Amino acid sequence: MNTAKERLLKIIDEIPEQEVDKILDFAEYLKVKREKSLSEDLTKASESSIDFWDNNIGLDLLQQLKAIINIDELTIHSNS
C-alpha cells in the first residue's frame, strides 16, 4: 500500500499546474499553522518556567551557570 505522501505525489504528477498551485498554497498554510502552534507551545512552556527561575534558588543556579561558562556580560535580574 502506498503512503499518503506517495499518493499525493502521484496526484500532483497527474493534475494541471494550476491545481498544483492550490495544493502548494494549502501545504504552506498547514506549515505556517504548525510553526505558529509550535511557537505558541514554546511561549507557554517558557512562561510556565518563570516561577522556577524567579526565586533565590533559580537565581543561585543562574549565578553558578554564569561562573561555570564564564560569561561576564550575562546580566541576571532579581524581581525580589
Foldseek 3Di string as FASTA:
>chain_A
DDDPVVVVVVVLVVDDPVVVVVVVVVVVVVVVVVVVVVVVVVVVVVVVCCVVLQDPVNVVVVVVVCVVVVDPPDDDDHPD
